[in-house]
Structure formats: structure tokens, C-alpha cells
Amino acid sequence: MKYRNDSGINDNRAEKRVLPFTDNRQPDNIYPMLRIRNLKCFYGQIMAVKGITLSVKEGEIIALIGANGSGKSTLMASVSGLLPTWTGEILFEGKNLKGMDPPAVVKSGISLVPEGRLIFPPMSVYDNLVLGAYTRLRKKAREDVQQAMETVTALFPILKERFSQPAGTLSGGEQQMLAIGRSLMARPRLLLLDEPSMGLAPLVVEKIMDVLELLRSQGLTILLVEQNARAALTIADRGYVFETGSVVLEGSADELLADTNVKRAYLGKDYEEFDDENR
């Protein structure tokens, strides 16, 4: 994918800057950064996730694809501390996340870009971004926060132009940039994104995926939940396919893109069309 200069995303300045939410370590590809084992998640008596096991290595983009209600967002809520009613094991850099609330999860190095963006519409773009760094502001790391702000606005220069503008007046694509930028302000080592393409035009989706590739190239690890399977698998290293709370298929992104069942269910064409194309 190519980066475009008319998108509100400035790849040139961002590429020259070492992102402050990474530390230039060489990725540890032996032990997973995130390891989930036999995860079961509950809403009351209903089990929404049924014994899922998966892993994310440092420096990877991992795509979770599947239909609505398949358990993808529930898994993300469990990892981020928003859903405490789960059993099993969630380890981040060897540390068990059980019992940790969302601020503690953020402090540990995980940040979530939630489904639907969930920005604060009446507040300015600047204030929305500052809120993303609230755990760092408590430590009085203002210089560090300022560095993060400079890097986020280098990545998304349109946000700097809109600093004083109420966030609710941004376009859908700009709001998604704001939601991503707000999460990056926390200096995560693992970024969770829940349906970042939802409600966006195809060209904007492509631009958002370009940004995720750029972030990965700068050392950020990404766990991506996406119904747009083609877009997600195009940039991912590996993927997991969810159905009714379980993982039914996993593999490299190339393997999943080539899988007949994935094509039929998630890539927007019927089997016969693919069969005709490949003859």
C-alpha cells in the first residue's frame, strides 16, 4: 500500500520520527507479547467466548475476523479490563491481567481504540488527545506527553489543524484518526483496535489501514478486530476466524486469504466466482 499526502495523514514526517510509544527494541519473536489460554467470557449466565486460545508476538499485526456476535469485541473488552467476568488466562509480557481495571491495563502498555470511536463530541480535539495520556499526566511526565502529542499530530496533521474544534464536528474518518491518536497518547506497546473501518468510506478505510502498517513498521504491535476481512488480512501477519464464541480457523494472512471457506464467508464473493477466476 502507498501512503497519500491528501488524506490528513502525513507519512513523511511520521516515518522520520521514532514513535514515543515504542522503545526501539528488537521484537521478541520467541515468546508471545500477548498469550490468551482457554478464555471464557460471560455476560451474566451467557458464555460469549468459549475457551479461546491465541497469541500475539511482538511486532505483529494479528487480525480477528468473523461475523457480529462471534466474540471478537468481547475478547477485546476482556483484555482491556472492561469486562472482568472471564476465566482462563490472559498474559501480557508474562504478567497476568486478571483483576486489573482499565487504568491499570493502560499503564501496563495496552491501549484500546473502541468500536464506534467513542470520542467526547463537545470537547475539543486537543482535549480529547490529552485525555488519552491521563495515566501519564498523573505521573507528571508532561515532557513525554508533549512528545507523544507531537508525534500523533505528525502522523495525523489534520488533527493539529482542528485542535480547537469540537470533536463531534469532525468527519467520520477524522474522528477515527482522533480515536487512534488518543490511544497512542498512552504510549502503548500493544494497540487494540475494534472495528476501525466501521462506517467509513472505502478510500478512508484504505488510509486507516496504511496508518496501521506504518505504526507496525515503527515497532508497534497490533491486535485488530475487523469485519472487513479483506482489508484486515491484507495488512496482517496472521489471523484468527471467530464463529459463535470460538476460533474455528487460524493461520497466516496469506493462508486465510486463500482459504475457500474464508472467501465465501468473509471476502464478499461466492465460491463459484473464485472458482471461475482461478481456472
Protein backbone atom coordinates (compact mmCIF):
# COMPACT_ATOMS: atom_id res chain seq x y z
CA MET A 1 0.00 0.00 0.00
CA LYS A 2 1.15 3.54 -0.69
CA TYR A 3 0.80 6.49 1.67
CA ARG A 4 -1.02 9.53 0.37
CA ASN A 5 -0.43 13.16 1.26
CA ASP A 6 -4.05 14.31 0.75
CA SER A 7 -5.56 12.16 3.47
CA GLY A 8 -4.90 14.10 6.65
CA ILE A 9 -2.10 11.56 7.27
CA ASN A 10 1.47 12.74 6.88
CA ASP A 11 3.60 9.65 6.37
CA ASN A 12 6.80 11.54 5.58
CA ARG A 13 7.16 13.30 8.91
CA ALA A 14 5.93 10.29 10.84
CA GLU A 15 8.46 7.97 9.20
CA LYS A 16 11.37 10.23 10.19
CA ARG A 17 10.33 10.25 13.83
CA VAL A 18 10.85 7.42 16.31
CA LEU A 19 7.45 6.87 17.81
CA PRO A 20 7.48 7.67 21.56
CA PHE A 21 5.20 4.72 22.31
CA THR A 22 7.91 2.25 21.29
CA ASP A 23 11.44 1.84 22.61
CA ASN A 24 13.35 0.61 19.53
CA ARG A 25 13.74 -2.89 20.99
CA GLN A 26 14.19 -5.78 18.62
CA PRO A 27 10.94 -7.76 18.57
CA ASP A 28 10.90 -10.85 20.77
CA ASN A 29 9.58 -13.45 18.34
CA ILE A 30 10.18 -16.40 20.65
CA TYR A 31 7.66 -15.66 23.40
CA PRO A 32 4.32 -14.01 22.65
CA MET A 33 3.72 -10.49 23.87
CA LEU A 34 0.09 -11.44 24.49
CA ARG A 35 -0.93 -15.00 25.32
CA ILE A 36 -4.56 -15.99 25.84
CA ARG A 37 -5.37 -19.50 27.02
CA ASN A 38 -8.78 -21.15 27.37
CA LEU A 39 -10.55 -17.78 27.69
CA LYS A 40 -14.22 -17.95 28.62
CA CYS A 41 -16.15 -14.69 28.91
CA PHE A 42 -19.56 -14.21 30.45
CA TYR A 43 -22.42 -11.72 30.37
CA GLY A 44 -24.43 -12.95 33.32
CA GLN A 45 -25.07 -16.62 32.67
CA ILE A 46 -24.35 -16.33 28.95
CA MET A 47 -20.94 -17.52 27.76
CA ALA A 48 -19.97 -15.23 24.91
CA VAL A 49 -16.42 -16.55 24.41
CA LYS A 50 -15.94 -20.31 24.73
CA GLY A 51 -12.42 -21.36 25.56
CA ILE A 52 -10.35 -19.34 23.06
CA THR A 53 -6.58 -19.69 22.87
CA LEU A 54 -4.45 -17.32 20.78
CA SER A 55 -1.18 -15.41 20.85
CA VAL A 56 0.30 -12.17 19.54
CA LYS A 57 4.06 -11.84 19.04
CA GLU A 58 5.83 -8.54 19.38
CA GLY A 59 5.85 -6.58 16.11
CA GLU A 60 2.91 -8.44 14.55
CA ILE A 61 -0.44 -7.32 13.27
CA ILE A 62 -2.97 -10.00 14.19
CA ALA A 63 -6.43 -9.87 12.62
CA LEU A 64 -9.54 -11.26 14.31
CA ILE A 65 -12.32 -11.69 11.77
CA GLY A 66 -15.85 -13.02 12.00
CA ALA A 67 -19.49 -12.02 12.00
CA ASN A 68 -21.24 -9.79 14.52
CA GLY A 69 -21.73 -11.60 17.81
CA SER A 70 -18.86 -14.03 17.28
CA GLY A 71 -16.97 -12.88 20.38
CA LYS A 72 -14.28 -10.62 18.92
CA SER A 73 -15.25 -7.45 20.79
CA THR A 74 -15.87 -9.43 23.97
CA LEU A 75 -12.29 -10.70 23.83
CA MET A 76 -11.02 -7.13 23.39
CA ALA A 77 -13.10 -5.95 26.35
CA SER A 78 -11.62 -8.71 28.49
CA VAL A 79 -8.03 -7.88 27.54
CA SER A 80 -8.56 -4.16 28.16
CA GLY A 81 -10.16 -4.66 31.58
CA LEU A 82 -13.64 -3.52 30.58
CA LEU A 83 -15.14 -6.99 31.10
CA PRO A 84 -13.98 -8.57 34.37
CA THR A 85 -16.22 -11.65 34.16
CA TRP A 86 -13.87 -14.11 32.49
CA THR A 87 -11.94 -17.24 33.32
CA GLY A 88 -8.78 -18.64 31.80
CA GLU A 89 -5.51 -16.79 31.37
CA ILE A 90 -4.55 -13.52 29.71
CA LEU A 91 -0.82 -12.83 29.94
CA PHE A 92 0.76 -9.60 28.68
CA GLU A 93 4.56 -9.71 28.64
CA GLY A 94 4.29 -12.54 31.15
CA LYS A 95 2.01 -10.65 33.55
CA ASN A 96 -1.48 -11.97 34.29
CA LEU A 97 -4.15 -9.32 33.62
CA LYS A 98 -6.76 -10.99 35.82
CA GLY A 99 -8.28 -8.48 38.23
CA MET A 100 -6.73 -5.42 36.57
CA ASP A 101 -9.06 -2.47 35.88
CA PRO A 102 -8.79 -0.45 32.64
CA PRO A 103 -6.41 2.24 34.01
CA ALA A 104 -4.05 -0.47 35.24
CA VAL A 105 -4.19 -2.21 31.86
CA VAL A 106 -3.36 1.07 30.10
CA LYS A 107 -0.44 1.67 32.48
CA SER A 108 0.86 -1.82 31.69
CA GLY A 109 1.20 -0.89 28.00
CA ILE A 110 -2.12 -1.81 26.33
CA SER A 111 -4.41 0.75 24.74
CA LEU A 112 -7.82 0.24 23.09
CA VAL A 113 -9.35 2.07 20.14
CA PRO A 114 -13.00 1.18 20.86
CA GLU A 115 -15.71 0.24 18.42
CA GLY A 116 -17.65 3.34 17.37
CA ARG A 117 -14.67 5.58 18.28
CA LEU A 118 -16.33 6.89 21.50
CA ILE A 119 -14.71 10.30 21.33
CA PHE A 120 -16.07 13.12 23.50
CA PRO A 121 -18.02 15.23 20.96
CA PRO A 122 -18.38 18.54 22.91
CA MET A 123 -14.72 18.61 23.88
CA SER A 124 -12.00 19.99 21.62
CA VAL A 125 -9.77 17.74 19.54
CA TYR A 126 -6.83 18.79 21.72
CA ASP A 127 -8.61 17.89 24.96
CA ASN A 128 -9.64 14.50 23.54
CA LEU A 129 -6.00 13.76 22.78
CA VAL A 130 -4.80 14.90 26.21
CA LEU A 131 -7.33 12.57 27.84
CA GLY A 132 -5.56 9.66 26.17
CA ALA A 133 -2.46 10.46 28.24
CA TYR A 134 -4.23 10.78 31.60
CA THR A 135 -2.28 7.94 33.21
CA ARG A 136 0.97 9.65 32.23
CA LEU A 137 -0.15 13.10 33.34
CA ARG A 138 -0.71 11.69 36.80
CA LYS A 139 2.99 10.87 36.83
CA LYS A 140 3.75 14.46 35.79
CA ALA A 141 5.51 13.21 32.66
CA ARG A 142 4.50 16.32 30.73
CA GLU A 143 7.58 16.38 28.54
CA ASP A 144 6.88 12.81 27.50
CA VAL A 145 3.23 13.65 26.84
CA GLN A 146 4.24 16.62 24.70
CA GLN A 147 6.49 14.36 22.66
CA ALA A 148 3.61 11.95 22.14
CA MET A 149 1.37 14.84 21.06
CA GLU A 150 3.95 16.00 18.52
CA THR A 151 4.25 12.52 17.09
CA VAL A 152 0.49 11.95 16.87
CA THR A 153 -0.01 15.28 15.10
CA ALA A 154 2.89 14.45 12.76
CA LEU A 155 1.07 11.23 11.89
CA PHE A 156 -2.32 12.98 11.63
CA PRO A 157 -1.59 16.64 10.80
CA ILE A 158 -5.30 17.34 10.26
CA LEU A 159 -5.82 16.91 14.00
CA LYS A 160 -3.44 19.76 14.78
CA GLU A 161 -5.36 21.96 12.37
CA ARG A 162 -8.54 21.07 14.28
CA PHE A 163 -7.14 21.41 17.83
CA SER A 164 -9.73 23.95 19.00
CA GLN A 165 -12.64 22.40 17.09
CA PRO A 166 -15.27 20.31 18.91
CA ALA A 167 -14.50 16.68 18.18
CA GLY A 168 -18.12 16.00 17.24
CA THR A 169 -17.83 18.26 14.20
CA LEU A 170 -15.09 16.14 12.59
CA SER A 171 -15.82 13.83 9.68
CA GLY A 172 -16.06 10.11 10.35
CA GLY A 173 -12.54 9.49 9.09
CA GLU A 174 -11.13 12.34 11.14
CA GLN A 175 -12.91 11.02 14.23
CA GLN A 176 -11.27 7.64 13.67
CA MET A 177 -7.89 9.34 13.38
CA LEU A 178 -8.67 11.11 16.66
CA ALA A 179 -9.62 7.84 18.35
CA ILE A 180 -6.39 6.21 17.19
CA GLY A 181 -4.34 9.25 18.17
CA ARG A 182 -5.96 9.36 21.62
CA SER A 183 -4.97 5.73 22.23
CA LEU A 184 -1.42 6.36 21.02
CA MET A 185 -1.08 9.17 23.56
CA ALA A 186 -0.89 6.48 26.27
CA ARG A 187 2.34 5.14 24.70
CA PRO A 188 1.09 1.56 24.29
CA ARG A 189 3.28 -1.34 23.29
CA LEU A 190 0.16 -3.25 22.23
CA LEU A 191 -2.62 -1.40 20.40
CA LEU A 192 -6.09 -2.97 20.28
CA LEU A 193 -8.42 -1.75 17.54
CA ASP A 194 -12.08 -2.73 17.46
CA GLU A 195 -13.70 -2.26 14.04
CA PRO A 196 -11.72 0.83 12.94
CA SER A 197 -13.26 0.71 9.44
CA MET A 198 -16.87 0.74 10.66
CA GLY A 199 -18.98 3.34 8.89
CA LEU A 200 -16.12 4.69 6.78
CA ALA A 201 -15.87 5.06 3.00
CA PRO A 202 -13.57 2.55 1.24
CA LEU A 203 -10.91 5.16 0.47
CA VAL A 204 -10.80 6.23 4.12
CA VAL A 205 -10.56 2.58 5.19
CA GLU A 206 -7.53 2.15 2.96
CA LYS A 207 -5.91 5.21 4.52
CA ILE A 208 -6.55 3.93 8.04
CA MET A 209 -5.00 0.58 7.13
CA ASP A 210 -1.99 2.45 5.71
CA VAL A 211 -1.56 4.09 9.11
CA LEU A 212 -1.64 0.72 10.89
CA GLU A 213 1.05 -0.60 8.56
CA LEU A 214 3.15 2.47 9.29
CA LEU A 215 2.73 2.02 13.04
CA ARG A 216 3.75 -1.63 12.76
CA SER A 217 6.84 -0.62 10.78
CA GLN A 218 7.76 1.65 13.70
CA GLY A 219 7.58 -1.24 16.16
CA LEU A 220 4.03 -1.15 17.50
CA THR A 221 2.23 -4.48 17.99
CA ILE A 222 -1.42 -4.51 16.88
CA LEU A 223 -4.44 -6.71 17.58
CA LEU A 224 -7.12 -5.81 15.05
CA VAL A 225 -10.79 -6.77 15.16
CA GLU A 226 -12.37 -6.21 11.76
CA GLN A 227 -15.43 -7.32 9.82
CA ASN A 228 -13.73 -6.06 6.66
CA ALA A 229 -11.72 -9.27 6.38
CA ARG A 230 -10.05 -8.38 3.11
CA ALA A 231 -8.69 -5.09 4.44
CA ALA A 232 -7.54 -6.66 7.71
CA LEU A 233 -5.84 -9.70 6.18
CA THR A 234 -4.12 -7.57 3.55
CA ILE A 235 -2.04 -5.87 6.27
CA ALA A 236 -1.93 -8.64 8.90
CA ASP A 237 0.76 -11.20 9.58
CA ARG A 238 -1.63 -13.83 10.95
CA GLY A 239 -5.32 -14.14 11.66
CA TYR A 240 -7.99 -15.98 13.63
CA VAL A 241 -11.53 -16.63 12.40
CA PHE A 242 -14.25 -16.44 15.07
CA GLU A 243 -17.67 -18.09 14.99
CA THR A 244 -20.17 -18.10 17.87
CA GLY A 245 -17.55 -17.53 20.55
CA SER A 246 -14.91 -19.95 19.27
CA VAL A 247 -11.88 -19.84 16.98
CA VAL A 248 -12.66 -22.07 14.00
CA LEU A 249 -9.62 -21.30 11.84
CA GLU A 250 -6.21 -19.73 12.25
CA GLY A 251 -3.20 -19.24 10.03
CA SER A 252 -1.06 -16.75 8.19
CA ALA A 253 -2.87 -13.91 6.48
CA ASP A 254 -1.98 -15.35 3.08
CA GLU A 255 -3.36 -18.75 4.06
CA LEU A 256 -6.64 -17.25 5.24
CA LEU A 257 -6.99 -15.09 2.13
CA ALA A 258 -6.61 -18.22 0.02
CA ASP A 259 -8.95 -20.37 2.09
CA THR A 260 -12.17 -21.26 0.25
CA ASN A 261 -14.41 -21.04 3.31
CA VAL A 262 -12.99 -17.67 4.30
CA LYS A 263 -13.50 -16.41 0.76
CA ARG A 264 -17.12 -17.50 0.73
CA ALA A 265 -18.00 -16.25 4.20
CA TYR A 266 -15.97 -13.06 4.62
CA LEU A 267 -14.41 -11.81 1.39
CA GLY A 268 -17.56 -10.76 -0.40
CA LYS A 269 -17.68 -13.25 -3.28
CA ASP A 270 -19.30 -16.60 -3.78
CA TYR A 271 -17.26 -19.74 -4.23
CA GLU A 272 -18.20 -20.07 -7.89
CA GLU A 273 -16.82 -16.62 -8.66
CA PHE A 274 -13.49 -17.51 -7.10
CA ASP A 275 -13.51 -20.87 -8.78
CA ASP A 276 -14.07 -19.21 -12.18
CA GLU A 277 -11.29 -16.69 -11.54
CA ASN A 278 -8.79 -19.41 -10.65
CA ARG A 279 -9.43 -21.73 -13.57
